[in-house]
Amino acid sequence: MRERGDLWCAHEPFMYDYYVHRKVARMPHFDVQDDHPITYEAIRDMLLAKARQGPVFFKDMAYYVVPRILDDPGFVDRLTHVFLIRNPVASILSYYRLDAGVTQEEVGIEAQWRLFQGLRELGAAPIVIEAEEVQEDTTGVMSALWERIGLPFRREAFEWQADVPEDWKQVGNWHGAVSASAGIRPIDAGEAARKQREFDECVKTAPHLADFLSHHRPFYQKLRAHALST
């Protein structure tokens, strides 16, 4: 979305409300920027101000804003909502390797489902895409998504520039591999089985991760049932 070149982009701006303002949990590898707004209201107003200048795209975690955003019609109704979901075996494993203190809420899938449901009750039609499908057919999935949300196709968006986005630097350790890449890596045939073996091995020393998986997997399956097909 950033490489399209026609959107002002922000990387998880509402993490400042969750981790800095409300201090719900601790986020490692986070270099807090002193000039970034930290309250929900101030972050929202920053995004709306940017939107008055041109189209805005921002990626965030649902648990940062649920349920607050559902009670903020002046903001939530301005947004086009797209949910990116990933097999929780892989996502929990990835998160735990970067933050052994990850909480059940931070796994995030329950909050995604709560936000998805809340938006539908408000009359919105949120879109769901699967990370594995984006890896398998990047051009096809993103083209279908852009068509659904009214953005023109941009071929140049699929080849990333060498410069790391400025707002990634505050959480640089979370994006080491993707920062060094030039595009989305295709999924390989044995990846799912390999991730499952790695997860099972990890559970031997961190058994609570199995509880996290049991809790979130039903919400993942519900979201997956609504995934965009190409």
C-alpha atoms as a PDB file:
ATOM      1  CA  MET A   1       0.000   0.000   0.000  1.00  0.00           C
ATOM      2  CA  ARG A   2       2.889   2.333   0.774  1.00  0.00           C
ATOM      3  CA  GLU A   3       4.651   1.584  -2.517  1.00  0.00           C
ATOM      4  CA  ARG A   4       1.545   2.601  -4.489  1.00  0.00           C
ATOM      5  CA  GLY A   5       2.689   6.186  -4.037  1.00  0.00           C
ATOM      6  CA  ASP A   6      -0.796   7.717  -3.884  1.00  0.00           C
ATOM      7  CA  LEU A   7      -1.545   7.255  -0.167  1.00  0.00           C
ATOM      8  CA  TRP A   8      -0.203   8.846   2.997  1.00  0.00           C
ATOM      9  CA  CYS A   9       0.598   5.858   5.198  1.00  0.00           C
ATOM     10  CA  ALA A  10       0.927   5.357   8.953  1.00  0.00           C
ATOM     11  CA  HIS A  11       2.182   2.288  10.769  1.00  0.00           C
ATOM     12  CA  GLU A  12       0.107   1.389  13.848  1.00  0.00           C
ATOM     13  CA  PRO A  13      -0.480   4.937  15.100  1.00  0.00           C
ATOM     14  CA  PHE A  14      -2.904   3.734  17.795  1.00  0.00           C
ATOM     15  CA  MET A  15      -0.201   1.666  19.478  1.00  0.00           C
ATOM     16  CA  TYR A  16       0.709   4.916  21.229  1.00  0.00           C
ATOM     17  CA  ASP A  17      -2.646   4.985  22.987  1.00  0.00           C
ATOM     18  CA  TYR A  18      -2.397   1.318  24.001  1.00  0.00           C
ATOM     19  CA  TYR A  19       1.251   1.112  25.051  1.00  0.00           C
ATOM     20  CA  VAL A  20       2.241   4.695  25.904  1.00  0.00           C
ATOM     21  CA  HIS A  21      -0.913   6.473  27.086  1.00  0.00           C
ATOM     22  CA  ARG A  22      -2.933   3.700  28.724  1.00  0.00           C
ATOM     23  CA  LYS A  23       0.063   1.425  29.358  1.00  0.00           C
ATOM     24  CA  VAL A  24      -2.077  -1.709  28.958  1.00  0.00           C
ATOM     25  CA  ALA A  25       1.005  -3.829  28.258  1.00  0.00           C
ATOM     26  CA  ARG A  26       4.697  -3.389  27.554  1.00  0.00           C
ATOM     27  CA  MET A  27       5.971  -3.492  23.987  1.00  0.00           C
ATOM     28  CA  PRO A  28       9.640  -4.387  23.554  1.00  0.00           C
ATOM     29  CA  HIS A  29      11.737  -3.004  20.698  1.00  0.00           C
ATOM     30  CA  PHE A  30       9.643   0.191  20.639  1.00  0.00           C
ATOM     31  CA  ASP A  31      11.485   3.501  20.317  1.00  0.00           C
ATOM     32  CA  VAL A  32       8.784   5.957  21.371  1.00  0.00           C
ATOM     33  CA  GLN A  33       8.749   9.161  19.335  1.00  0.00           C
ATOM     34  CA  ASP A  34       8.232  12.217  21.536  1.00  0.00           C
ATOM     35  CA  ASP A  35       6.308  14.155  18.880  1.00  0.00           C
ATOM     36  CA  HIS A  36       3.714  11.426  18.191  1.00  0.00           C
ATOM     37  CA  PRO A  37       0.210  11.965  19.636  1.00  0.00           C
ATOM     38  CA  ILE A  38      -0.557   9.396  22.340  1.00  0.00           C
ATOM     39  CA  THR A  39      -4.271   9.581  23.156  1.00  0.00           C
ATOM     40  CA  TYR A  40      -6.985   7.956  21.056  1.00  0.00           C
ATOM     41  CA  GLU A  41      -8.545  11.353  20.340  1.00  0.00           C
ATOM     42  CA  ALA A  42      -5.271  13.009  19.331  1.00  0.00           C
ATOM     43  CA  ILE A  43      -4.269  10.113  17.060  1.00  0.00           C
ATOM     44  CA  ARG A  44      -7.712  10.070  15.440  1.00  0.00           C
ATOM     45  CA  ASP A  45      -7.579  13.824  14.856  1.00  0.00           C
ATOM     46  CA  MET A  46      -4.103  13.530  13.303  1.00  0.00           C
ATOM     47  CA  LEU A  47      -5.390  10.951  10.817  1.00  0.00           C
ATOM     48  CA  LEU A  48      -8.472  13.026   9.980  1.00  0.00           C
ATOM     49  CA  ALA A  49      -6.270  16.085   9.433  1.00  0.00           C
ATOM     50  CA  LYS A  50      -4.093  14.094   7.027  1.00  0.00           C
ATOM     51  CA  ALA A  51      -7.231  12.870   5.240  1.00  0.00           C
ATOM     52  CA  ARG A  52      -8.212  16.467   4.515  1.00  0.00           C
ATOM     53  CA  GLN A  53      -5.027  16.714   2.448  1.00  0.00           C
ATOM     54  CA  GLY A  54      -5.392  13.422   0.568  1.00  0.00           C
ATOM     55  CA  PRO A  55      -6.153   9.700   0.891  1.00  0.00           C
ATOM     56  CA  VAL A  56      -4.775   7.965   3.983  1.00  0.00           C
ATOM     57  CA  PHE A  57      -3.926   4.326   4.676  1.00  0.00           C
ATOM     58  CA  PHE A  58      -3.046   3.102   8.146  1.00  0.00           C
ATOM     59  CA  LYS A  59      -2.490  -0.375   9.538  1.00  0.00           C
ATOM     60  CA  ASP A  60      -3.346  -1.053  13.165  1.00  0.00           C
ATOM     61  CA  MET A  61      -4.256  -3.791  15.607  1.00  0.00           C
ATOM     62  CA  ALA A  62      -7.939  -4.124  16.452  1.00  0.00           C
ATOM     63  CA  TYR A  63      -7.241  -4.522  20.161  1.00  0.00           C
ATOM     64  CA  TYR A  64      -5.773  -1.011  20.265  1.00  0.00           C
ATOM     65  CA  VAL A  65      -9.157   0.549  19.460  1.00  0.00           C
ATOM     66  CA  VAL A  66     -11.916  -1.950  20.371  1.00  0.00           C
ATOM     67  CA  PRO A  67     -14.487  -1.112  21.618  1.00  0.00           C
ATOM     68  CA  ARG A  68     -13.790   2.626  21.581  1.00  0.00           C
ATOM     69  CA  ILE A  69     -13.830   3.031  17.814  1.00  0.00           C
ATOM     70  CA  LEU A  70     -17.293   1.486  17.512  1.00  0.00           C
ATOM     71  CA  ASP A  71     -18.670   4.330  19.635  1.00  0.00           C
ATOM     72  CA  ASP A  72     -17.017   6.969  17.446  1.00  0.00           C
ATOM     73  CA  PRO A  73     -19.247   7.208  14.344  1.00  0.00           C
ATOM     74  CA  GLY A  74     -17.624  10.394  13.097  1.00  0.00           C
ATOM     75  CA  PHE A  75     -14.393   8.439  12.653  1.00  0.00           C
ATOM     76  CA  VAL A  76     -15.338   4.816  12.066  1.00  0.00           C
ATOM     77  CA  ASP A  77     -17.781   5.750   9.308  1.00  0.00           C
ATOM     78  CA  ARG A  78     -14.985   7.529   7.427  1.00  0.00           C
ATOM     79  CA  LEU A  79     -12.900   4.372   7.184  1.00  0.00           C
ATOM     80  CA  THR A  80     -12.770   1.557   4.657  1.00  0.00           C
ATOM     81  CA  HIS A  81     -12.098  -1.512   6.792  1.00  0.00           C
ATOM     82  CA  VAL A  82      -9.875  -4.364   5.592  1.00  0.00           C
ATOM     83  CA  PHE A  83      -8.908  -7.227   7.910  1.00  0.00           C
ATOM     84  CA  LEU A  84      -5.687  -9.162   7.323  1.00  0.00           C
ATOM     85  CA  ILE A  85      -5.744 -12.550   9.028  1.00  0.00           C
ATOM     86  CA  ARG A  86      -2.993 -15.151   9.382  1.00  0.00           C
ATOM     87  CA  ASN A  87      -2.953 -18.737  10.599  1.00  0.00           C
ATOM     88  CA  PRO A  88      -2.660 -18.288  14.381  1.00  0.00           C
ATOM     89  CA  VAL A  89      -0.108 -21.096  14.641  1.00  0.00           C
ATOM     90  CA  ALA A  90       2.267 -18.957  12.597  1.00  0.00           C
ATOM     91  CA  SER A  91       1.287 -15.586  14.046  1.00  0.00           C
ATOM     92  CA  ILE A  92       1.511 -16.651  17.702  1.00  0.00           C
ATOM     93  CA  LEU A  93       4.880 -18.303  17.066  1.00  0.00           C
ATOM     94  CA  SER A  94       6.194 -15.194  15.312  1.00  0.00           C
ATOM     95  CA  TYR A  95       4.984 -12.845  18.043  1.00  0.00           C
ATOM     96  CA  TYR A  96       6.369 -15.010  20.865  1.00  0.00           C
ATOM     97  CA  ARG A  97       9.819 -15.107  19.288  1.00  0.00           C
ATOM     98  CA  LEU A  98       9.938 -11.305  19.339  1.00  0.00           C
ATOM     99  CA  ASP A  99       8.168 -10.854  22.680  1.00  0.00           C
ATOM    100  CA  ALA A 100       8.077 -13.753  25.128  1.00  0.00           C
ATOM    101  CA  GLY A 101       5.700 -11.699  27.274  1.00  0.00           C
ATOM    102  CA  VAL A 102       2.980 -11.501  24.631  1.00  0.00           C
ATOM    103  CA  THR A 103      -0.484 -11.549  26.190  1.00  0.00           C
ATOM    104  CA  GLN A 104      -3.594 -13.326  25.011  1.00  0.00           C
ATOM    105  CA  GLU A 105      -5.141 -10.006  23.996  1.00  0.00           C
ATOM    106  CA  GLU A 106      -2.078  -9.097  21.940  1.00  0.00           C
ATOM    107  CA  VAL A 107      -2.512 -12.199  19.792  1.00  0.00           C
ATOM    108  CA  GLY A 108      -5.317 -10.048  18.500  1.00  0.00           C
ATOM    109  CA  ILE A 109      -7.706 -12.315  16.626  1.00  0.00           C
ATOM    110  CA  GLU A 110     -10.576 -12.103  19.106  1.00  0.00           C
ATOM    111  CA  ALA A 111     -10.457  -8.321  18.873  1.00  0.00           C
ATOM    112  CA  GLN A 112     -10.465  -8.562  15.078  1.00  0.00           C
ATOM    113  CA  TRP A 113     -13.668 -10.608  15.234  1.00  0.00           C
ATOM    114  CA  ARG A 114     -15.275  -8.224  17.737  1.00  0.00           C
ATOM    115  CA  LEU A 115     -14.459  -5.278  15.479  1.00  0.00           C
ATOM    116  CA  PHE A 116     -15.633  -7.149  12.379  1.00  0.00           C
ATOM    117  CA  GLN A 117     -18.952  -7.992  14.037  1.00  0.00           C
ATOM    118  CA  GLY A 118     -19.375  -4.480  15.388  1.00  0.00           C
ATOM    119  CA  LEU A 119     -18.801  -2.945  11.969  1.00  0.00           C
ATOM    120  CA  ARG A 120     -21.349  -5.232  10.356  1.00  0.00           C
ATOM    121  CA  GLU A 121     -23.887  -4.262  13.019  1.00  0.00           C
ATOM    122  CA  LEU A 122     -23.226  -0.636  12.071  1.00  0.00           C
ATOM    123  CA  GLY A 123     -23.981  -1.443   8.440  1.00  0.00           C
ATOM    124  CA  ALA A 124     -20.401  -1.550   7.149  1.00  0.00           C
ATOM    125  CA  ALA A 125     -19.090  -4.262   4.821  1.00  0.00           C
ATOM    126  CA  PRO A 126     -15.529  -4.987   6.005  1.00  0.00           C
ATOM    127  CA  ILE A 127     -13.254  -7.013   3.745  1.00  0.00           C
ATOM    128  CA  VAL A 128     -11.121  -9.939   4.949  1.00  0.00           C
ATOM    129  CA  ILE A 129      -7.951 -11.136   3.217  1.00  0.00           C
ATOM    130  CA  GLU A 130      -5.687 -14.013   4.240  1.00  0.00           C
ATOM    131  CA  ALA A 131      -1.934 -13.504   4.618  1.00  0.00           C
ATOM    132  CA  GLU A 132      -1.252 -16.911   3.100  1.00  0.00           C
ATOM    133  CA  GLU A 133      -3.324 -16.037   0.029  1.00  0.00           C
ATOM    134  CA  VAL A 134      -1.460 -12.743  -0.344  1.00  0.00           C
ATOM    135  CA  GLN A 135       1.796 -14.717  -0.307  1.00  0.00           C
ATOM    136  CA  GLU A 136       0.465 -17.308  -2.749  1.00  0.00           C
ATOM    137  CA  ASP A 137      -0.970 -14.818  -5.265  1.00  0.00           C
ATOM    138  CA  THR A 138       0.110 -11.315  -4.317  1.00  0.00           C
ATOM    139  CA  THR A 139      -0.928  -9.612  -7.536  1.00  0.00           C
ATOM    140  CA  GLY A 140      -4.272 -11.397  -7.747  1.00  0.00           C
ATOM    141  CA  VAL A 141      -5.329 -10.780  -4.145  1.00  0.00           C
ATOM    142  CA  MET A 142      -4.185  -7.167  -4.023  1.00  0.00           C
ATOM    143  CA  SER A 143      -5.738  -6.408  -7.396  1.00  0.00           C
ATOM    144  CA  ALA A 144      -9.058  -7.821  -6.206  1.00  0.00           C
ATOM    145  CA  LEU A 145      -8.789  -5.840  -2.972  1.00  0.00           C
ATOM    146  CA  TRP A 146      -7.987  -2.584  -4.750  1.00  0.00           C
ATOM    147  CA  GLU A 147     -10.905  -3.095  -7.120  1.00  0.00           C
ATOM    148  CA  ARG A 148     -13.256  -3.655  -4.165  1.00  0.00           C
ATOM    149  CA  ILE A 149     -12.141  -0.492  -2.357  1.00  0.00           C
ATOM    150  CA  GLY A 150     -11.888   1.738  -5.424  1.00  0.00           C
ATOM    151  CA  LEU A 151      -8.136   2.033  -5.920  1.00  0.00           C
ATOM    152  CA  PRO A 152      -6.561   1.727  -9.382  1.00  0.00           C
ATOM    153  CA  PHE A 153      -4.051  -1.018 -10.124  1.00  0.00           C
ATOM    154  CA  ARG A 154      -0.411  -0.013  -9.591  1.00  0.00           C
ATOM    155  CA  ARG A 155       2.181  -2.448 -10.978  1.00  0.00           C
ATOM    156  CA  GLU A 156       5.031  -0.562  -9.315  1.00  0.00           C
ATOM    157  CA  ALA A 157       3.598  -1.325  -5.867  1.00  0.00           C
ATOM    158  CA  PHE A 158       4.851  -4.908  -6.026  1.00  0.00           C
ATOM    159  CA  GLU A 159       8.553  -4.002  -6.087  1.00  0.00           C
ATOM    160  CA  TRP A 160       9.631  -2.267  -2.886  1.00  0.00           C
ATOM    161  CA  GLN A 161      12.225   0.454  -2.670  1.00  0.00           C
ATOM    162  CA  ALA A 162      15.356   0.059  -0.566  1.00  0.00           C
ATOM    163  CA  ASP A 163      14.544   2.855   1.883  1.00  0.00           C
ATOM    164  CA  VAL A 164      12.956   1.664   5.124  1.00  0.00           C
ATOM    165  CA  PRO A 165       9.788   3.673   5.922  1.00  0.00           C
ATOM    166  CA  GLU A 166      10.517   6.336   8.522  1.00  0.00           C
ATOM    167  CA  ASP A 167       7.737   5.236  10.878  1.00  0.00           C
ATOM    168  CA  TRP A 168       9.032   1.631  10.853  1.00  0.00           C
ATOM    169  CA  LYS A 169      12.242   2.741  12.516  1.00  0.00           C
ATOM    170  CA  GLN A 170      10.524   3.126  15.895  1.00  0.00           C
ATOM    171  CA  VAL A 171       9.754  -0.620  15.811  1.00  0.00           C
ATOM    172  CA  GLY A 172      12.626  -1.705  13.588  1.00  0.00           C
ATOM    173  CA  ASN A 173      13.331  -5.030  15.298  1.00  0.00           C
ATOM    174  CA  TRP A 174       9.809  -6.208  14.446  1.00  0.00           C
ATOM    175  CA  HIS A 175      10.370  -5.807  10.712  1.00  0.00           C
ATOM    176  CA  GLY A 176      13.933  -6.905  10.086  1.00  0.00           C
ATOM    177  CA  ALA A 177      13.189  -9.497   7.404  1.00  0.00           C
ATOM    178  CA  VAL A 178      10.639  -7.477   5.474  1.00  0.00           C
ATOM    179  CA  SER A 179      12.810  -4.343   5.633  1.00  0.00           C
ATOM    180  CA  ALA A 180      15.562  -6.254   3.846  1.00  0.00           C
ATOM    181  CA  SER A 181      13.247  -7.661   1.178  1.00  0.00           C
ATOM    182  CA  ALA A 182      12.103  -6.297  -2.162  1.00  0.00           C
ATOM    183  CA  GLY A 183       8.626  -7.825  -2.174  1.00  0.00           C
ATOM    184  CA  ILE A 184       6.322 -10.398  -0.606  1.00  0.00           C
ATOM    185  CA  ARG A 185       7.943 -13.829  -0.388  1.00  0.00           C
ATOM    186  CA  PRO A 186       5.908 -16.618  -2.020  1.00  0.00           C
ATOM    187  CA  ILE A 187       4.750 -19.307   0.391  1.00  0.00           C
ATOM    188  CA  ASP A 188       6.384 -22.711   0.057  1.00  0.00           C
ATOM    189  CA  ALA A 189       4.550 -26.033   0.101  1.00  0.00           C
ATOM    190  CA  GLY A 190       5.934 -27.189   3.446  1.00  0.00           C
ATOM    191  CA  GLU A 191       5.593 -23.914   5.350  1.00  0.00           C
ATOM    192  CA  ALA A 192       2.373 -24.702   7.235  1.00  0.00           C
ATOM    193  CA  ALA A 193       3.657 -28.087   8.414  1.00  0.00           C
ATOM    194  CA  ARG A 194       6.992 -26.568   9.393  1.00  0.00           C
ATOM    195  CA  LYS A 195       5.320 -23.810  11.415  1.00  0.00           C
ATOM    196  CA  GLN A 196       3.176 -26.400  13.185  1.00  0.00           C
ATOM    197  CA  ARG A 197       6.261 -28.429  14.157  1.00  0.00           C
ATOM    198  CA  GLU A 198       8.002 -25.278  15.404  1.00  0.00           C
ATOM    199  CA  PHE A 199       4.915 -24.280  17.376  1.00  0.00           C
ATOM    200  CA  ASP A 200       4.615 -27.720  18.965  1.00  0.00           C
ATOM    201  CA  GLU A 201       8.254 -27.560  19.978  1.00  0.00           C
ATOM    202  CA  CYS A 202       7.807 -24.079  21.440  1.00  0.00           C
ATOM    203  CA  VAL A 203       4.781 -25.210  23.481  1.00  0.00           C
ATOM    204  CA  LYS A 204       7.008 -27.641  25.358  1.00  0.00           C
ATOM    205  CA  THR A 205       8.618 -24.707  27.184  1.00  0.00           C
ATOM    206  CA  ALA A 206       5.723 -22.236  26.852  1.00  0.00           C
ATOM    207  CA  PRO A 207       2.526 -24.293  27.327  1.00  0.00           C
ATOM    208  CA  HIS A 208       0.352 -21.193  27.647  1.00  0.00           C
ATOM    209  CA  LEU A 209       0.754 -20.656  23.889  1.00  0.00           C
ATOM    210  CA  ALA A 210      -1.452 -23.707  23.327  1.00  0.00           C
ATOM    211  CA  ASP A 211      -4.143 -21.974  25.398  1.00  0.00           C
ATOM    212  CA  PHE A 212      -3.731 -18.843  23.292  1.00  0.00           C
ATOM    213  CA  LEU A 213      -4.221 -20.918  20.148  1.00  0.00           C
ATOM    214  CA  SER A 214      -7.316 -22.665  21.509  1.00  0.00           C
ATOM    215  CA  HIS A 215      -8.817 -19.307  22.470  1.00  0.00           C
ATOM    216  CA  HIS A 216      -8.187 -17.508  19.192  1.00  0.00           C
ATOM    217  CA  ARG A 217      -8.575 -20.251  16.590  1.00  0.00           C
ATOM    218  CA  PRO A 218     -12.429 -20.137  16.594  1.00  0.00           C
ATOM    219  CA  PHE A 219     -12.345 -16.387  15.893  1.00  0.00           C
ATOM    220  CA  TYR A 220      -9.834 -16.969  13.097  1.00  0.00           C
ATOM    221  CA  GLN A 221     -12.115 -19.570  11.528  1.00  0.00           C
ATOM    222  CA  LYS A 222     -15.081 -17.209  11.696  1.00  0.00           C
ATOM    223  CA  LEU A 223     -13.119 -14.449   9.974  1.00  0.00           C
ATOM    224  CA  ARG A 224     -11.713 -16.849   7.418  1.00  0.00           C
ATOM    225  CA  ALA A 225     -15.237 -17.758   6.348  1.00  0.00           C
ATOM    226  CA  HIS A 226     -15.590 -14.173   5.077  1.00  0.00           C
ATOM    227  CA  ALA A 227     -12.255 -14.007   3.250  1.00  0.00           C
ATOM    228  CA  LEU A 228     -12.105 -12.408  -0.183  1.00  0.00           C
ATOM    229  CA  SER A 229     -11.791 -14.918  -3.022  1.00  0.00           C
ATOM    230  CA  THR A 230     -10.022 -14.090  -6.277  1.00  0.00           C
END
